[in-house]
């Protein structure tokens, strides 16, 4: 299970997804929705924390 967390104006956002692909998609959506400090923790404890889209 991949755990996604971050903050928005209402407080802490905490979600779970079964795959890394689904977790990355949701993390990017949270960033687009102006959440901050968004990160994913995978089942081994590895933290993913950069989800901003590249601007060409």
PDB file of N, CA and C in Angstrom:
ATOM      1  N   UNK A   1       0.849  -1.177   0.000  1.00  0.00           N
ATOM      2  CA  UNK A   1       0.000   0.000   0.000  1.00  0.00           C
ATOM      3  C   UNK A   1       0.895   1.239   0.000  1.00  0.00           C
ATOM      4  N   UNK A   2       0.553   2.209  -0.845  1.00  0.00           N
ATOM      5  CA  UNK A   2       1.286   3.468  -0.936  1.00  0.00           C
ATOM      6  C   UNK A   2       0.467   4.545  -0.233  1.00  0.00           C
ATOM      7  N   UNK A   3       1.098   5.270   0.677  1.00  0.00           N
ATOM      8  CA  UNK A   3       0.418   6.304   1.436  1.00  0.00           C
ATOM      9  C   UNK A   3       0.797   7.677   0.892  1.00  0.00           C
ATOM     10  N   UNK A   4      -0.213   8.482   0.564  1.00  0.00           N
ATOM     11  CA  UNK A   4      -0.018   9.824   0.053  1.00  0.00           C
ATOM     12  C   UNK A   4      -0.467  10.788   1.141  1.00  0.00           C
ATOM     13  N   UNK A   5       0.365  11.792   1.418  1.00  0.00           N
ATOM     14  CA  UNK A   5      -0.029  12.788   2.404  1.00  0.00           C
ATOM     15  C   UNK A   5       0.386  14.170   1.939  1.00  0.00           C
ATOM     16  N   UNK A   6      -0.279  15.162   2.468  1.00  0.00           N
ATOM     17  CA  UNK A   6       0.016  16.551   2.155  1.00  0.00           C
ATOM     18  C   UNK A   6      -0.874  17.442   2.997  1.00  0.00           C
ATOM     19  N   UNK A   7      -0.851  18.734   2.687  1.00  0.00           N
ATOM     20  CA  UNK A   7      -1.641  19.700   3.433  1.00  0.00           C
ATOM     21  C   UNK A   7      -2.422  20.574   2.469  1.00  0.00           C
ATOM     22  N   UNK A   8      -3.629  20.955   2.897  1.00  0.00           N
ATOM     23  CA  UNK A   8      -4.395  21.963   2.173  1.00  0.00           C
ATOM     24  C   UNK A   8      -4.934  22.951   3.193  1.00  0.00           C
ATOM     25  N   UNK A   9      -5.751  23.880   2.758  1.00  0.00           N
ATOM     26  CA  UNK A   9      -6.223  24.921   3.671  1.00  0.00           C
ATOM     27  C   UNK A   9      -7.082  24.364   4.801  1.00  0.00           C
ATOM     28  N   UNK A  10      -7.613  23.156   4.653  1.00  0.00           N
ATOM     29  CA  UNK A  10      -8.430  22.538   5.697  1.00  0.00           C
ATOM     30  C   UNK A  10      -7.603  21.685   6.657  1.00  0.00           C
ATOM     31  N   UNK A  11      -6.331  21.414   6.308  1.00  0.00           N
ATOM     32  CA  UNK A  11      -5.497  20.591   7.182  1.00  0.00           C
ATOM     33  C   UNK A  11      -4.792  19.484   6.427  1.00  0.00           C
ATOM     34  N   UNK A  12      -4.644  18.352   7.096  1.00  0.00           N
ATOM     35  CA  UNK A  12      -3.897  17.223   6.543  1.00  0.00           C
ATOM     36  C   UNK A  12      -4.753  16.428   5.563  1.00  0.00           C
ATOM     37  N   UNK A  13      -4.142  16.056   4.440  1.00  0.00           N
ATOM     38  CA  UNK A  13      -4.765  15.160   3.464  1.00  0.00           C
ATOM     39  C   UNK A  13      -4.003  13.845   3.556  1.00  0.00           C
ATOM     40  N   UNK A  14      -4.706  12.736   3.722  1.00  0.00           N
ATOM     41  CA  UNK A  14      -4.057  11.432   3.827  1.00  0.00           C
ATOM     42  C   UNK A  14      -4.857  10.411   3.032  1.00  0.00           C
ATOM     43  N   UNK A  15      -4.190   9.795   2.045  1.00  0.00           N
ATOM     44  CA  UNK A  15      -4.854   8.852   1.157  1.00  0.00           C
ATOM     45  C   UNK A  15      -3.988   7.620   0.966  1.00  0.00           C
ATOM     46  N   UNK A  16      -4.566   6.548   0.441  1.00  0.00           N
ATOM     47  CA  UNK A  16      -3.816   5.325   0.144  1.00  0.00           C
ATOM     48  C   UNK A  16      -4.182   4.838  -1.242  1.00  0.00           C
ATOM     49  N   UNK A  17      -3.190   4.258  -1.922  1.00  0.00           N
ATOM     50  CA  UNK A  17      -3.404   3.660  -3.234  1.00  0.00           C
ATOM     51  C   UNK A  17      -2.645   2.344  -3.287  1.00  0.00           C
ATOM     52  N   UNK A  18      -3.103   1.409  -4.121  1.00  0.00           N
ATOM     53  CA  UNK A  18      -2.495   0.085  -4.198  1.00  0.00           C
ATOM     54  C   UNK A  18      -1.229   0.050  -5.039  1.00  0.00           C
ATOM     55  N   UNK A  19      -1.091   0.958  -6.014  1.00  0.00           N
ATOM     56  CA  UNK A  19       0.081   0.936  -6.894  1.00  0.00           C
ATOM     57  C   UNK A  19       0.799   2.276  -6.877  1.00  0.00           C
ATOM     58  N   UNK A  20       2.080   2.238  -7.243  1.00  0.00           N
ATOM     59  CA  UNK A  20       2.856   3.477  -7.327  1.00  0.00           C
ATOM     60  C   UNK A  20       2.276   4.392  -8.403  1.00  0.00           C
ATOM     61  N   UNK A  21       1.866   3.823  -9.533  1.00  0.00           N
ATOM     62  CA  UNK A  21       1.294   4.637 -10.611  1.00  0.00           C
ATOM     63  C   UNK A  21       0.058   5.394 -10.134  1.00  0.00           C
ATOM     64  N   UNK A  22      -0.818   4.720  -9.413  1.00  0.00           N
ATOM     65  CA  UNK A  22      -2.027   5.370  -8.896  1.00  0.00           C
ATOM     66  C   UNK A  22      -1.673   6.417  -7.842  1.00  0.00           C
ATOM     67  N   UNK A  23      -0.682   6.126  -7.014  1.00  0.00           N
ATOM     68  CA  UNK A  23      -0.257   7.078  -5.987  1.00  0.00           C
ATOM     69  C   UNK A  23       0.356   8.323  -6.623  1.00  0.00           C
ATOM     70  N   UNK A  24       1.177   8.140  -7.655  1.00  0.00           N
ATOM     71  CA  UNK A  24       1.778   9.282  -8.351  1.00  0.00           C
ATOM     72  C   UNK A  24       0.707  10.146  -9.010  1.00  0.00           C
ATOM     73  N   UNK A  25      -0.277   9.502  -9.613  1.00  0.00           N
ATOM     74  CA  UNK A  25      -1.369  10.255 -10.248  1.00  0.00           C
ATOM     75  C   UNK A  25      -2.096  11.101  -9.215  1.00  0.00           C
ATOM     76  N   UNK A  26      -2.435  10.508  -8.088  1.00  0.00           N
ATOM     77  CA  UNK A  26      -3.159  11.240  -7.047  1.00  0.00           C
ATOM     78  C   UNK A  26      -2.289  12.348  -6.457  1.00  0.00           C
ATOM     79  N   UNK A  27      -1.002  12.092  -6.249  1.00  0.00           N
ATOM     80  CA  UNK A  27      -0.102  13.117  -5.711  1.00  0.00           C
ATOM     81  C   UNK A  27      -0.041  14.319  -6.649  1.00  0.00           C
ATOM     82  N   UNK A  28       0.059  14.069  -7.955  1.00  0.00           N
ATOM     83  CA  UNK A  28       0.085  15.175  -8.926  1.00  0.00           C
ATOM     84  C   UNK A  28      -1.229  15.953  -8.902  1.00  0.00           C
ATOM     85  N   UNK A  29      -2.348  15.242  -8.740  1.00  0.00           N
ATOM     86  CA  UNK A  29      -3.647  15.920  -8.645  1.00  0.00           C
ATOM     87  C   UNK A  29      -3.698  16.817  -7.411  1.00  0.00           C
ATOM     88  N   UNK A  30      -3.159  16.339  -6.297  1.00  0.00           N
ATOM     89  CA  UNK A  30      -3.142  17.158  -5.082  1.00  0.00           C
ATOM     90  C   UNK A  30      -2.316  18.424  -5.278  1.00  0.00           C
ATOM     91  N   UNK A  31      -1.160  18.287  -5.919  1.00  0.00           N
ATOM     92  CA  UNK A  31      -0.318  19.461  -6.186  1.00  0.00           C
ATOM     93  C   UNK A  31      -1.063  20.440  -7.089  1.00  0.00           C
ATOM     94  N   UNK A  32      -1.728  19.932  -8.124  1.00  0.00           N
ATOM     95  CA  UNK A  32      -2.510  20.790  -9.016  1.00  0.00           C
ATOM     96  C   UNK A  32      -3.630  21.498  -8.259  1.00  0.00           C
ATOM     97  N   UNK A  33      -4.154  20.867  -7.207  1.00  0.00           N
ATOM     98  CA  UNK A  33      -5.207  21.455  -6.382  1.00  0.00           C
ATOM     99  C   UNK A  33      -4.641  22.351  -5.278  1.00  0.00           C
ATOM    100  N   UNK A  34      -3.345  22.688  -5.399  1.00  0.00           N
ATOM    101  CA  UNK A  34      -2.651  23.617  -4.503  1.00  0.00           C
ATOM    102  C   UNK A  34      -2.418  23.070  -3.093  1.00  0.00           C
ATOM    103  N   UNK A  35      -2.302  21.758  -2.968  1.00  0.00           N
ATOM    104  CA  UNK A  35      -1.833  21.178  -1.715  1.00  0.00           C
ATOM    105  C   UNK A  35      -0.315  21.350  -1.660  1.00  0.00           C
ATOM    106  N   UNK A  36       0.243  21.334  -0.466  1.00  0.00           N
ATOM    107  CA  UNK A  36       1.685  21.473  -0.332  1.00  0.00           C
ATOM    108  C   UNK A  36       2.245  20.372   0.546  1.00  0.00           C
ATOM    109  N   UNK A  37       3.582  20.219   0.489  1.00  0.00           N
ATOM    110  CA  UNK A  37       4.284  19.156   1.226  1.00  0.00           C
ATOM    111  C   UNK A  37       3.700  17.776   0.911  1.00  0.00           C
ATOM    112  N   UNK A  38       3.362  17.558  -0.357  1.00  0.00           N
ATOM    113  CA  UNK A  38       2.793  16.274  -0.783  1.00  0.00           C
ATOM    114  C   UNK A  38       3.925  15.251  -0.888  1.00  0.00           C
ATOM    115  N   UNK A  39       3.686  14.080  -0.331  1.00  0.00           N
ATOM    116  CA  UNK A  39       4.670  13.012  -0.445  1.00  0.00           C
ATOM    117  C   UNK A  39       3.981  11.659  -0.481  1.00  0.00           C
ATOM    118  N   UNK A  40       4.713  10.684  -1.019  1.00  0.00           N
ATOM    119  CA  UNK A  40       4.256   9.292  -1.043  1.00  0.00           C
ATOM    120  C   UNK A  40       5.270   8.475  -0.261  1.00  0.00           C
ATOM    121  N   UNK A  41       4.774   7.559   0.558  1.00  0.00           N
ATOM    122  CA  UNK A  41       5.644   6.598   1.239  1.00  0.00           C
ATOM    123  C   UNK A  41       5.248   5.216   0.745  1.00  0.00           C
ATOM    124  N   UNK A  42       6.247   4.496   0.196  1.00  0.00           N
ATOM    125  CA  UNK A  42       5.945   3.158  -0.326  1.00  0.00           C
ATOM    126  C   UNK A  42       6.055   2.118   0.785  1.00  0.00           C
ATOM    127  N   UNK A  43       5.704   0.860   0.500  1.00  0.00           N
ATOM    128  CA  UNK A  43       5.699  -0.171   1.543  1.00  0.00           C
ATOM    129  C   UNK A  43       7.063  -0.408   2.200  1.00  0.00           C
ATOM    130  N   UNK A  44       8.151  -0.038   1.533  1.00  0.00           N
ATOM    131  CA  UNK A  44       9.485  -0.226   2.115  1.00  0.00           C
ATOM    132  C   UNK A  44       9.952   0.992   2.907  1.00  0.00           C
ATOM    133  N   UNK A  45       9.147   2.071   2.897  1.00  0.00           N
ATOM    134  CA  UNK A  45       9.509   3.279   3.621  1.00  0.00           C
ATOM    135  C   UNK A  45      10.156   4.357   2.765  1.00  0.00           C
ATOM    136  N   UNK A  46      10.360   4.078   1.470  1.00  0.00           N
ATOM    137  CA  UNK A  46      10.934   5.075   0.575  1.00  0.00           C
ATOM    138  C   UNK A  46       9.947   6.228   0.398  1.00  0.00           C
ATOM    139  N   UNK A  47      10.479   7.456   0.435  1.00  0.00           N
ATOM    140  CA  UNK A  47       9.648   8.649   0.317  1.00  0.00           C
ATOM    141  C   UNK A  47       9.845   9.284  -1.057  1.00  0.00           C
ATOM    142  N   UNK A  48       8.731   9.568  -1.717  1.00  0.00           N
ATOM    143  CA  UNK A  48       8.731  10.286  -2.985  1.00  0.00           C
ATOM    144  C   UNK A  48       8.106  11.653  -2.696  1.00  0.00           C
ATOM    145  N   UNK A  49       8.782  12.727  -3.135  1.00  0.00           N
ATOM    146  CA  UNK A  49       8.259  14.037  -2.734  1.00  0.00           C
ATOM    147  C   UNK A  49       8.279  15.116  -3.802  1.00  0.00           C
ATOM    148  N   UNK A  50       8.525  14.799  -5.055  1.00  0.00           N
ATOM    149  CA  UNK A  50       8.525  15.834  -6.090  1.00  0.00           C
ATOM    150  C   UNK A  50       7.548  15.459  -7.190  1.00  0.00           C
ATOM    151  N   UNK A  51       6.447  16.196  -7.285  1.00  0.00           N
ATOM    152  CA  UNK A  51       5.388  15.847  -8.226  1.00  0.00           C
ATOM    153  C   UNK A  51       4.992  16.988  -9.148  1.00  0.00           C
ATOM    154  N   UNK A  52       5.736  18.099  -9.109  1.00  0.00           N
ATOM    155  CA  UNK A  52       5.401  19.238  -9.948  1.00  0.00           C
ATOM    156  C   UNK A  52       5.608  18.857 -11.402  1.00  0.00           C
ATOM    157  N   UNK A  53       4.689  19.267 -12.241  1.00  0.00           N
ATOM    158  CA  UNK A  53       4.789  18.984 -13.668  1.00  0.00           C
ATOM    159  C   UNK A  53       5.916  19.825 -14.267  1.00  0.00           C
ATOM    160  N   UNK A  54       6.638  19.253 -15.209  1.00  0.00           N
ATOM    161  CA  UNK A  54       7.673  19.983 -15.933  1.00  0.00           C
ATOM    162  C   UNK A  54       6.995  20.951 -16.902  1.00  0.00           C
ATOM    163  N   UNK A  55       7.479  22.189 -16.939  1.00  0.00           N
ATOM    164  CA  UNK A  55       6.957  23.178 -17.875  1.00  0.00           C
ATOM    165  C   UNK A  55       7.922  23.298 -19.035  1.00  0.00           C
ATOM    166  N   UNK A  56       7.423  23.066 -20.249  1.00  0.00           N
ATOM    167  CA  UNK A  56       8.297  23.096 -21.440  1.00  0.00           C
ATOM    168  C   UNK A  56       8.522  24.517 -21.919  1.00  0.00           C
TER     169      UNK A  56
END
